[in-house]
C-alpha atoms as a PDB file:
ATOM      1  CA  MET A   1       0.514-206.959 -71.090  1.00  0.00           C
ATOM      2  CA  VAL A   2       2.967-204.892 -69.047  1.00  0.00           C
ATOM      3  CA  VAL A   3       3.399-202.448 -71.923  1.00  0.00           C
ATOM      4  CA  LEU A   4      -0.384-202.078 -72.264  1.00  0.00           C
ATOM      5  CA  THR A   5      -0.707-201.407 -68.559  1.00  0.00           C
ATOM      6  CA  ILE A   6       1.986-198.736 -68.737  1.00  0.00           C
ATOM      7  CA  LEU A   7       0.292-197.103 -71.737  1.00  0.00           C
ATOM      8  CA  LEU A   8      -3.081-197.071 -69.959  1.00  0.00           C
ATOM      9  CA  ALA A   9      -1.451-195.560 -66.882  1.00  0.00           C
ATOM     10  CA  LEU A  10       0.218-192.858 -68.971  1.00  0.00           C
ATOM     11  CA  LEU A  11      -3.039-192.154 -70.803  1.00  0.00           C
ATOM     12  CA  SER A  12      -4.891-191.941 -67.521  1.00  0.00           C
ATOM     13  CA  ALA A  13      -2.291-189.564 -66.115  1.00  0.00           C
ATOM     14  CA  PHE A  14      -2.429-187.435 -69.276  1.00  0.00           C
ATOM     15  CA  LEU A  15      -6.225-187.213 -69.137  1.00  0.00           C
ATOM     16  CA  SER A  16      -6.139-186.382 -65.448  1.00  0.00           C
ATOM     17  CA  VAL A  17      -3.723-183.524 -66.093  1.00  0.00           C
ATOM     18  CA  LYS A  18      -5.815-182.383 -69.057  1.00  0.00           C
ATOM     19  CA  ILE A  19      -8.992-182.350 -66.953  1.00  0.00           C
ATOM     20  CA  TRP A  20      -7.210-180.458 -64.161  1.00  0.00           C
ATOM     21  CA  LEU A  21      -5.962-177.846 -66.632  1.00  0.00           C
ATOM     22  CA  LEU A  22      -9.450-177.427 -68.125  1.00  0.00           C
ATOM     23  CA  ARG A  23     -10.947-177.000 -64.669  1.00  0.00           C
ATOM     24  CA  ARG A  24      -8.348-174.397 -63.798  1.00  0.00           C
ATOM     25  CA  SER A  25      -9.032-172.589 -67.070  1.00  0.00           C
ATOM     26  CA  SER A  26     -12.784-172.608 -66.504  1.00  0.00           C
ATOM     27  CA  LYS A  27     -12.240-171.175 -63.017  1.00  0.00           C
ATOM     28  CA  GLU A  28      -9.981-168.445 -64.426  1.00  0.00           C
ATOM     29  CA  ILE A  29     -12.554-167.600 -67.104  1.00  0.00           C
ATOM     30  CA  ALA A  30     -15.409-167.463 -64.562  1.00  0.00           C
ATOM     31  CA  GLU A  31     -13.448-165.203 -62.198  1.00  0.00           C
ATOM     32  CA  ALA A  32     -12.252-162.917 -65.002  1.00  0.00           C
ATOM     33  CA  LEU A  33     -15.747-162.639 -66.497  1.00  0.00           C
ATOM     34  CA  SER A  34     -17.227-161.794 -63.102  1.00  0.00           C
ATOM     35  CA  GLU A  35     -14.610-159.105 -62.562  1.00  0.00           C
ATOM     36  CA  CYS A  36     -15.140-157.624 -66.043  1.00  0.00           C
ATOM     37  CA  LEU A  37     -18.895-157.393 -65.495  1.00  0.00           C
ATOM     38  CA  LYS A  38     -18.456-155.688 -62.124  1.00  0.00           C
ATOM     39  CA  THR A  39     -16.076-152.997 -63.360  1.00  0.00           C
ATOM     40  CA  ASP A  40     -16.745-150.341 -65.977  1.00  0.00           C
ATOM     41  CA  THR A  41     -13.357-150.723 -67.680  1.00  0.00           C
ATOM     42  CA  ASN A  42     -12.097-152.097 -70.979  1.00  0.00           C
ATOM     43  CA  SER A  43     -10.327-155.023 -69.341  1.00  0.00           C
ATOM     44  CA  ILE A  44     -10.581-158.371 -71.119  1.00  0.00           C
ATOM     45  CA  ILE A  45     -10.648-162.003 -70.065  1.00  0.00           C
ATOM     46  CA  THR A  46      -7.245-163.666 -69.971  1.00  0.00           C
ATOM     47  CA  VAL A  47      -6.368-167.291 -69.349  1.00  0.00           C
ATOM     48  CA  SER A  48      -3.097-169.142 -68.773  1.00  0.00           C
ATOM     49  CA  SER A  49      -4.120-172.217 -70.771  1.00  0.00           C
ATOM     50  CA  ARG A  50      -2.469-172.939 -74.138  1.00  0.00           C
ATOM     51  CA  ASP A  51      -5.336-175.139 -75.261  1.00  0.00           C
ATOM     52  CA  LYS A  52      -6.625-173.925 -78.639  1.00  0.00           C
ATOM     53  CA  GLN A  53     -10.301-174.553 -77.839  1.00  0.00           C
ATOM     54  CA  VAL A  54     -10.047-172.750 -74.519  1.00  0.00           C
ATOM     55  CA  ARG A  55      -8.331-169.750 -76.106  1.00  0.00           C
ATOM     56  CA  ARG A  56     -10.930-169.706 -78.876  1.00  0.00           C
ATOM     57  CA  LEU A  57     -13.661-169.638 -76.216  1.00  0.00           C
ATOM     58  CA  VAL A  58     -11.939-166.720 -74.475  1.00  0.00           C
ATOM     59  CA  THR A  59     -11.680-164.831 -77.779  1.00  0.00           C
ATOM     60  CA  GLU A  60     -15.406-165.246 -78.446  1.00  0.00           C
ATOM     61  CA  LEU A  61     -16.266-164.209 -74.877  1.00  0.00           C
ATOM     62  CA  ASN A  62     -14.171-161.051 -75.241  1.00  0.00           C
ATOM     63  CA  LYS A  63     -15.981-160.194 -78.482  1.00  0.00           C
ATOM     64  CA  GLU A  64     -19.370-160.580 -76.801  1.00  0.00           C
ATOM     65  CA  LEU A  65     -18.133-158.638 -73.763  1.00  0.00           C
ATOM     66  CA  LYS A  66     -17.106-155.755 -76.012  1.00  0.00           C
ATOM     67  CA  LEU A  67     -20.555-155.696 -77.642  1.00  0.00           C
ATOM     68  CA  LEU A  68     -22.213-155.834 -74.233  1.00  0.00           C
ATOM     69  CA  ARG A  69     -20.184-152.843 -73.033  1.00  0.00           C
ATOM     70  CA  GLU A  70     -21.073-150.861 -76.142  1.00  0.00           C
ATOM     71  CA  GLU A  71     -24.764-151.573 -75.594  1.00  0.00           C
ATOM     72  CA  HIS A  72     -24.436-150.630 -71.926  1.00  0.00           C
ATOM     73  CA  HIS A  73     -22.758-147.324 -72.776  1.00  0.00           C
ATOM     74  CA  ARG A  74     -25.482-146.538 -75.315  1.00  0.00           C
ATOM     75  CA  PHE A  75     -28.119-147.311 -72.701  1.00  0.00           C
ATOM     76  CA  VAL A  76     -26.437-145.120 -70.068  1.00  0.00           C
ATOM     77  CA  GLN A  77     -26.048-142.283 -72.555  1.00  0.00           C
ATOM     78  CA  GLY A  78     -29.666-142.569 -73.701  1.00  0.00           C
ATOM     79  CA  ASP A  79     -30.896-142.758 -70.120  1.00  0.00           C
ATOM     80  CA  MET A  80     -28.961-139.624 -69.182  1.00  0.00           C
ATOM     81  CA  GLU A  81     -30.270-137.785 -72.255  1.00  0.00           C
ATOM     82  CA  LEU A  82     -33.821-138.756 -71.290  1.00  0.00           C
ATOM     83  CA  LYS A  83     -33.336-137.526 -67.715  1.00  0.00           C
ATOM     84  CA  ASN A  84     -31.913-134.232 -68.969  1.00  0.00           C
ATOM     85  CA  ALA A  85     -34.788-133.869 -71.421  1.00  0.00           C
ATOM     86  CA  VAL A  86     -37.325-134.448 -68.638  1.00  0.00           C
ATOM     87  CA  THR A  87     -35.549-131.859 -66.493  1.00  0.00           C
ATOM     88  CA  ASN A  88     -35.534-129.270 -69.291  1.00  0.00           C
ATOM     89  CA  ILE A  89     -39.138-129.918 -70.334  1.00  0.00           C
ATOM     90  CA  SER A  90     -40.495-129.772 -66.793  1.00  0.00           C
ATOM     91  CA  HIS A  91     -38.522-126.584 -66.122  1.00  0.00           C
ATOM     92  CA  ASP A  92     -39.688-124.944 -69.355  1.00  0.00           C
ATOM     93  CA  LEU A  93     -43.321-125.809 -68.591  1.00  0.00           C
ATOM     94  CA  ARG A  94     -43.296-124.420 -65.070  1.00  0.00           C
ATOM     95  CA  THR A  95     -42.839-120.767 -66.118  1.00  0.00           C
ATOM     96  CA  PRO A  96     -45.764-120.457 -68.565  1.00  0.00           C
ATOM     97  CA  LEU A  97     -48.007-122.547 -66.287  1.00  0.00           C
ATOM     98  CA  THR A  98     -47.297-120.217 -63.384  1.00  0.00           C
ATOM     99  CA  ALA A  99     -48.233-117.265 -65.590  1.00  0.00           C
ATOM    100  CA  ILE A 100     -51.431-118.990 -66.764  1.00  0.00           C
ATOM    101  CA  CYS A 101     -52.506-119.732 -63.194  1.00  0.00           C
ATOM    102  CA  GLY A 102     -51.737-116.108 -62.234  1.00  0.00           C
ATOM    103  CA  TYR A 103     -53.891-114.667 -65.025  1.00  0.00           C
ATOM    104  CA  LEU A 104     -56.679-117.113 -64.173  1.00  0.00           C
ATOM    105  CA  ASP A 105     -56.675-115.832 -60.591  1.00  0.00           C
ATOM    106  CA  MET A 106     -56.924-112.264 -61.915  1.00  0.00           C
ATOM    107  CA  LEU A 107     -59.854-113.203 -64.178  1.00  0.00           C
ATOM    108  CA  LYS A 108     -61.778-114.580 -61.219  1.00  0.00           C
ATOM    109  CA  SER A 109     -62.140-111.054 -59.852  1.00  0.00           C
ATOM    110  CA  GLU A 110     -63.557-109.718 -63.145  1.00  0.00           C
ATOM    111  CA  ASP A 111     -67.243-109.483 -63.995  1.00  0.00           C
ATOM    112  CA  LYS A 112     -68.306-112.373 -66.207  1.00  0.00           C
ATOM    113  CA  SER A 113     -71.334-114.343 -67.273  1.00  0.00           C
ATOM    114  CA  PRO A 114     -72.260-117.654 -65.608  1.00  0.00           C
ATOM    115  CA  GLU A 115     -71.155-119.447 -68.788  1.00  0.00           C
ATOM    116  CA  ALA A 116     -67.745-117.742 -68.703  1.00  0.00           C
ATOM    117  CA  GLU A 117     -67.515-118.553 -64.991  1.00  0.00           C
ATOM    118  CA  ARG A 118     -68.045-122.243 -65.771  1.00  0.00           C
ATOM    119  CA  TYR A 119     -65.468-122.218 -68.561  1.00  0.00           C
ATOM    120  CA  LEU A 120     -62.992-120.431 -66.322  1.00  0.00           C
ATOM    121  CA  GLU A 121     -63.472-123.069 -63.619  1.00  0.00           C
ATOM    122  CA  ILE A 122     -62.802-125.857 -66.134  1.00  0.00           C
ATOM    123  CA  ILE A 123     -59.671-124.111 -67.425  1.00  0.00           C
ATOM    124  CA  GLY A 124     -58.467-123.573 -63.865  1.00  0.00           C
ATOM    125  CA  GLY A 125     -58.926-127.254 -63.041  1.00  0.00           C
ATOM    126  CA  ARG A 126     -57.018-128.358 -66.133  1.00  0.00           C
ATOM    127  CA  ALA A 127     -54.241-125.847 -65.469  1.00  0.00           C
ATOM    128  CA  GLU A 128     -53.895-127.090 -61.892  1.00  0.00           C
ATOM    129  CA  SER A 129     -53.669-130.698 -63.142  1.00  0.00           C
ATOM    130  CA  MET A 130     -50.941-129.709 -65.589  1.00  0.00           C
ATOM    131  CA  LYS A 131     -49.117-127.891 -62.806  1.00  0.00           C
ATOM    132  CA  GLN A 132     -49.182-130.987 -60.599  1.00  0.00           C
ATOM    133  CA  LEU A 133     -47.943-133.217 -63.422  1.00  0.00           C
ATOM    134  CA  THR A 134     -45.148-130.779 -64.216  1.00  0.00           C
ATOM    135  CA  GLU A 135     -44.083-130.679 -60.571  1.00  0.00           C
ATOM    136  CA  GLU A 136     -44.029-134.482 -60.512  1.00  0.00           C
ATOM    137  CA  LEU A 137     -41.818-134.526 -63.604  1.00  0.00           C
ATOM    138  CA  PHE A 138     -39.504-131.950 -62.042  1.00  0.00           C
ATOM    139  CA  ARG A 139     -39.227-133.893 -58.757  1.00  0.00           C
ATOM    140  CA  TYR A 140     -38.478-137.064 -60.697  1.00  0.00           C
ATOM    141  CA  SER A 141     -35.729-135.402 -62.715  1.00  0.00           C
ATOM    142  CA  VAL A 142     -34.129-133.985 -59.555  1.00  0.00           C
ATOM    143  CA  ILE A 143     -34.151-137.373 -57.814  1.00  0.00           C
ATOM    144  CA  MET A 144     -32.847-139.311 -60.810  1.00  0.00           C
ATOM    145  CA  THR A 145     -30.055-136.892 -61.722  1.00  0.00           C
ATOM    146  CA  SER A 146     -28.856-136.347 -58.168  1.00  0.00           C
ATOM    147  CA  GLU A 147     -25.530-138.063 -57.522  1.00  0.00           C
ATOM    148  CA  SER A 148     -25.454-137.243 -53.814  1.00  0.00           C
ATOM    149  CA  GLU A 149     -26.001-139.976 -51.258  1.00  0.00           C
ATOM    150  CA  PRO A 150     -29.249-139.911 -49.230  1.00  0.00           C
ATOM    151  CA  LYS A 151     -29.015-138.126 -45.891  1.00  0.00           C
ATOM    152  CA  GLN A 152     -28.416-140.674 -43.160  1.00  0.00           C
ATOM    153  CA  GLU A 153     -30.093-140.125 -39.807  1.00  0.00           C
ATOM    154  CA  GLN A 154     -31.847-142.114 -37.122  1.00  0.00           C
ATOM    155  CA  VAL A 155     -35.524-142.268 -38.055  1.00  0.00           C
ATOM    156  CA  ILE A 156     -38.532-143.700 -36.241  1.00  0.00           C
ATOM    157  CA  VAL A 157     -40.468-145.251 -39.113  1.00  0.00           C
ATOM    158  CA  ASN A 158     -43.695-145.327 -37.073  1.00  0.00           C
ATOM    159  CA  ASP A 159     -43.734-141.531 -36.764  1.00  0.00           C
ATOM    160  CA  VAL A 160     -43.047-140.908 -40.459  1.00  0.00           C
ATOM    161  CA  LEU A 161     -45.808-143.319 -41.490  1.00  0.00           C
ATOM    162  CA  GLU A 162     -48.346-141.779 -39.093  1.00  0.00           C
ATOM    163  CA  GLU A 163     -47.523-138.259 -40.308  1.00  0.00           C
ATOM    164  CA  SER A 164     -47.861-139.335 -43.946  1.00  0.00           C
ATOM    165  CA  ILE A 165     -51.290-140.880 -43.338  1.00  0.00           C
ATOM    166  CA  ALA A 166     -52.431-137.805 -41.408  1.00  0.00           C
ATOM    167  CA  GLY A 167     -51.294-135.576 -44.272  1.00  0.00           C
ATOM    168  CA  TYR A 168     -53.652-137.406 -46.644  1.00  0.00           C
ATOM    169  CA  TYR A 169     -56.614-137.460 -44.268  1.00  0.00           C
ATOM    170  CA  SER A 170     -58.652-134.871 -46.187  1.00  0.00           C
ATOM    171  CA  ILE A 171     -57.996-136.511 -49.565  1.00  0.00           C
ATOM    172  CA  LEU A 172     -58.891-139.957 -48.230  1.00  0.00           C
ATOM    173  CA  SER A 173     -62.073-138.556 -46.676  1.00  0.00           C
ATOM    174  CA  GLU A 174     -62.983-136.898 -49.962  1.00  0.00           C
ATOM    175  CA  LYS A 175     -62.605-140.288 -51.690  1.00  0.00           C
ATOM    176  CA  LYS A 176     -64.639-141.894 -48.863  1.00  0.00           C
ATOM    177  CA  ILE A 177     -61.688-144.129 -47.972  1.00  0.00           C
ATOM    178  CA  SER A 178     -61.391-145.078 -44.307  1.00  0.00           C
ATOM    179  CA  PRO A 179     -57.940-146.609 -43.948  1.00  0.00           C
ATOM    180  CA  GLU A 180     -57.355-149.588 -41.679  1.00  0.00           C
ATOM    181  CA  ILE A 181     -54.153-148.796 -39.817  1.00  0.00           C
ATOM    182  CA  ASP A 182     -52.115-151.370 -37.927  1.00  0.00           C
ATOM    183  CA  ILE A 183     -48.836-149.857 -36.744  1.00  0.00           C
ATOM    184  CA  THR A 184     -46.748-151.715 -34.200  1.00  0.00           C
ATOM    185  CA  TYR A 185     -46.266-150.050 -30.801  1.00  0.00           C
ATOM    186  CA  LYS A 186     -42.617-151.072 -30.916  1.00  0.00           C
ATOM    187  CA  LYS A 187     -40.426-148.278 -32.246  1.00  0.00           C
ATOM    188  CA  VAL A 188     -39.006-149.281 -35.639  1.00  0.00           C
ATOM    189  CA  ILE A 189     -35.751-147.336 -35.882  1.00  0.00           C
ATOM    190  CA  ARG A 190     -33.661-147.247 -39.048  1.00  0.00           C
ATOM    191  CA  ILE A 191     -30.741-145.173 -40.329  1.00  0.00           C
ATOM    192  CA  LEU A 192     -32.022-143.519 -43.517  1.00  0.00           C
ATOM    193  CA  ASP A 193     -33.271-140.327 -45.158  1.00  0.00           C
ATOM    194  CA  ARG A 194     -36.419-139.148 -43.351  1.00  0.00           C
ATOM    195  CA  SER A 195     -37.640-136.845 -46.141  1.00  0.00           C
ATOM    196  CA  ALA A 196     -37.093-139.570 -48.754  1.00  0.00           C
ATOM    197  CA  LEU A 197     -39.061-142.080 -46.658  1.00  0.00           C
ATOM    198  CA  ALA A 198     -41.878-139.567 -46.229  1.00  0.00           C
ATOM    199  CA  ARG A 199     -41.945-139.069 -50.024  1.00  0.00           C
ATOM    200  CA  VAL A 200     -42.192-142.839 -50.532  1.00  0.00           C
ATOM    201  CA  PHE A 201     -45.105-143.201 -48.096  1.00  0.00           C
ATOM    202  CA  SER A 202     -46.895-140.214 -49.672  1.00  0.00           C
ATOM    203  CA  ASN A 203     -46.492-141.665 -53.157  1.00  0.00           C
ATOM    204  CA  LEU A 204     -47.899-145.014 -52.037  1.00  0.00           C
ATOM    205  CA  ILE A 205     -50.919-143.449 -50.350  1.00  0.00           C
ATOM    206  CA  ASN A 206     -51.476-141.328 -53.449  1.00  0.00           C
ATOM    207  CA  ASN A 207     -51.245-144.503 -55.518  1.00  0.00           C
ATOM    208  CA  ALA A 208     -53.958-146.077 -53.360  1.00  0.00           C
ATOM    209  CA  VAL A 209     -56.188-143.059 -53.948  1.00  0.00           C
ATOM    210  CA  LYS A 210     -55.842-143.596 -57.722  1.00  0.00           C
ATOM    211  CA  TYR A 211     -56.256-147.380 -57.855  1.00  0.00           C
ATOM    212  CA  SER A 212     -58.300-148.299 -54.804  1.00  0.00           C
ATOM    213  CA  ASP A 213     -61.866-149.558 -55.053  1.00  0.00           C
ATOM    214  CA  GLY A 214     -62.573-147.610 -51.867  1.00  0.00           C
ATOM    215  CA  ASP A 215     -60.384-149.169 -49.210  1.00  0.00           C
ATOM    216  CA  LEU A 216     -56.835-148.959 -47.880  1.00  0.00           C
ATOM    217  CA  SER A 217     -54.917-151.007 -45.339  1.00  0.00           C
ATOM    218  CA  VAL A 218     -51.578-149.886 -43.912  1.00  0.00           C
ATOM    219  CA  ARG A 219     -49.535-152.195 -41.695  1.00  0.00           C
ATOM    220  CA  LEU A 220     -46.124-151.752 -40.079  1.00  0.00           C
ATOM    221  CA  SER A 221     -44.685-154.826 -38.340  1.00  0.00           C
ATOM    222  CA  ASP A 222     -41.950-155.119 -35.720  1.00  0.00           C
ATOM    223  CA  ASP A 223     -39.323-156.077 -38.312  1.00  0.00           C
ATOM    224  CA  GLY A 224     -39.838-152.856 -40.288  1.00  0.00           C
ATOM    225  CA  THR A 225     -41.954-154.366 -43.063  1.00  0.00           C
ATOM    226  CA  THR A 226     -44.589-151.914 -44.291  1.00  0.00           C
ATOM    227  CA  VAL A 227     -47.519-153.133 -46.383  1.00  0.00           C
ATOM    228  CA  PHE A 228     -49.969-150.927 -48.291  1.00  0.00           C
ATOM    229  CA  SER A 229     -52.901-152.945 -49.649  1.00  0.00           C
ATOM    230  CA  ASN A 230     -56.223-152.170 -51.287  1.00  0.00           C
ATOM    231  CA  HIS A 231     -58.757-153.762 -53.608  1.00  0.00           C
ATOM    232  CA  ALA A 232     -57.967-152.828 -57.216  1.00  0.00           C
ATOM    233  CA  SER A 233     -60.354-154.704 -59.479  1.00  0.00           C
ATOM    234  CA  GLN A 234     -59.281-152.720 -62.560  1.00  0.00           C
ATOM    235  CA  LEU A 235     -55.680-153.958 -62.346  1.00  0.00           C
ATOM    236  CA  THR A 236     -54.291-157.152 -63.833  1.00  0.00           C
ATOM    237  CA  SER A 237     -51.205-159.103 -62.802  1.00  0.00           C
ATOM    238  CA  VAL A 238     -49.474-157.929 -65.999  1.00  0.00           C
ATOM    239  CA  GLN A 239     -50.126-154.285 -65.095  1.00  0.00           C
ATOM    240  CA  VAL A 240     -48.923-154.832 -61.527  1.00  0.00           C
ATOM    241  CA  ASP A 241     -45.611-156.176 -62.838  1.00  0.00           C
ATOM    242  CA  LYS A 242     -45.121-152.840 -64.641  1.00  0.00           C
ATOM    243  CA  LEU A 243     -46.212-150.483 -61.863  1.00  0.00           C
ATOM    244  CA  PHE A 244     -42.640-149.549 -60.951  1.00  0.00           C
ATOM    245  CA  ASP A 245     -41.666-148.840 -64.569  1.00  0.00           C
ATOM    246  CA  ARG A 246     -41.221-145.138 -65.164  1.00  0.00           C
ATOM    247  CA  PHE A 247     -43.942-143.387 -67.182  1.00  0.00           C
ATOM    248  CA  TYR A 248     -46.158-146.484 -66.987  1.00  0.00           C
ATOM    249  CA  THR A 249     -49.799-145.713 -66.264  1.00  0.00           C
ATOM    250  CA  VAL A 250     -53.017-147.655 -66.472  1.00  0.00           C
ATOM    251  CA  GLU A 251     -56.208-146.336 -67.992  1.00  0.00           C
ATOM    252  CA  ALA A 252     -57.729-145.723 -64.577  1.00  0.00           C
ATOM    253  CA  ALA A 253     -54.887-143.412 -63.550  1.00  0.00           C
ATOM    254  CA  ARG A 254     -55.783-140.054 -65.042  1.00  0.00           C
ATOM    255  CA  ASN A 255     -53.678-136.964 -64.389  1.00  0.00           C
ATOM    256  CA  SER A 256     -50.641-139.140 -63.747  1.00  0.00           C
ATOM    257  CA  THR A 257     -47.173-139.304 -65.248  1.00  0.00           C
ATOM    258  CA  GLY A 258     -46.620-142.846 -64.005  1.00  0.00           C
ATOM    259  CA  LEU A 259     -43.606-141.704 -61.982  1.00  0.00           C
ATOM    260  CA  GLY A 260     -44.874-142.003 -58.415  1.00  0.00           C
ATOM    261  CA  LEU A 261     -43.980-145.659 -57.860  1.00  0.00           C
ATOM    262  CA  SER A 262     -40.817-145.363 -59.942  1.00  0.00           C
ATOM    263  CA  ILE A 263     -39.673-142.575 -57.622  1.00  0.00           C
ATOM    264  CA  ALA A 264     -40.602-144.707 -54.600  1.00  0.00           C
ATOM    265  CA  ARG A 265     -38.524-147.632 -55.846  1.00  0.00           C
ATOM    266  CA  THR A 266     -35.523-145.409 -56.600  1.00  0.00           C
ATOM    267  CA  LEU A 267     -35.596-143.818 -53.139  1.00  0.00           C
ATOM    268  CA  ILE A 268     -36.086-147.123 -51.311  1.00  0.00           C
ATOM    269  CA  GLU A 269     -33.209-148.759 -53.182  1.00  0.00           C
ATOM    270  CA  LYS A 270     -30.947-145.771 -52.472  1.00  0.00           C
ATOM    271  CA  MET A 271     -31.674-146.300 -48.769  1.00  0.00           C
ATOM    272  CA  GLY A 272     -30.798-149.987 -49.031  1.00  0.00           C
ATOM    273  CA  GLY A 273     -34.356-151.326 -48.849  1.00  0.00           C
ATOM    274  CA  THR A 274     -36.605-153.271 -51.192  1.00  0.00           C
ATOM    275  CA  ILE A 275     -40.091-152.639 -52.569  1.00  0.00           C
ATOM    276  CA  SER A 276     -42.373-155.036 -54.431  1.00  0.00           C
ATOM    277  CA  ALA A 277     -45.969-155.308 -55.609  1.00  0.00           C
ATOM    278  CA  SER A 278     -48.324-158.260 -55.932  1.00  0.00           C
ATOM    279  CA  LEU A 279     -51.951-158.876 -56.836  1.00  0.00           C
ATOM    280  CA  GLU A 280     -53.933-161.646 -55.171  1.00  0.00           C
ATOM    281  CA  ASN A 281     -57.708-162.087 -55.307  1.00  0.00           C
ATOM    282  CA  GLY A 282     -58.083-158.537 -56.567  1.00  0.00           C
ATOM    283  CA  VAL A 283     -56.051-157.046 -53.717  1.00  0.00           C
ATOM    284  CA  LEU A 284     -52.972-154.985 -54.623  1.00  0.00           C
ATOM    285  CA  SER A 285     -50.217-155.181 -51.998  1.00  0.00           C
ATOM    286  CA  ILE A 286     -47.076-153.059 -52.027  1.00  0.00           C
ATOM    287  CA  VAL A 287     -44.464-154.255 -49.565  1.00  0.00           C
ATOM    288  CA  ILE A 288     -41.494-152.235 -48.309  1.00  0.00           C
ATOM    289  CA  ARG A 289     -38.702-153.861 -46.347  1.00  0.00           C
ATOM    290  CA  LEU A 290     -36.247-151.538 -44.629  1.00  0.00           C
END
């Protein structure tokens, strides 16, 4: 009986040590994996344990980590190639479009039949649309390829929002949209890039012009949360989930590259904020938190 008790005690002690070693190994693996995922190096997971199963697990994790890094590098390379392609294409399109618009302006002063006048007006409208799309592509490529940090300055968000709304007054009036504006009287001051914030607000108002059923609500609360909302019966929840994806457009958005909201998200995230979209009872809401 005494021998059995001693054996059970030894077994218990052995298992306790074994469990402690496994816990230590799992902690080492978790910390090493976290560090490897955070850094863009070829470091691997190492563990002090001599246990065969633990070392086999580490070997398999290192294999998967290597594959993950290869996929990540391919993605980064492909993403950079795409950005460079967009930059080159938008730049190459700007020169001939400028020439086309110039010759169209010259033709307007020439004598022509009413039919030719109508055709010329159609061509001019299409050329102007192409020019706007090209400029949007060029702005996107500049923003995405820029490695510089956003300019940091003290900005009164209220003023930037009011100026952005005022800048779209004529377009909103043309679309018969009377925006409901609720901007807090309290000054919302943040340290960020004023021009980038103005671009974000402009893109969101422009988005409302494209998707709105004829209304727009803009609210800025004391805590710096800005909400743009409008009825958008043509949108679905699936489409809303993709609104911030680059080049994504819906059928209702003509003359669009699908880059406006993608640019907005990139700029907001660079300034340390968040932006999200939701659809509830047919109302699209885009929320910015600075």
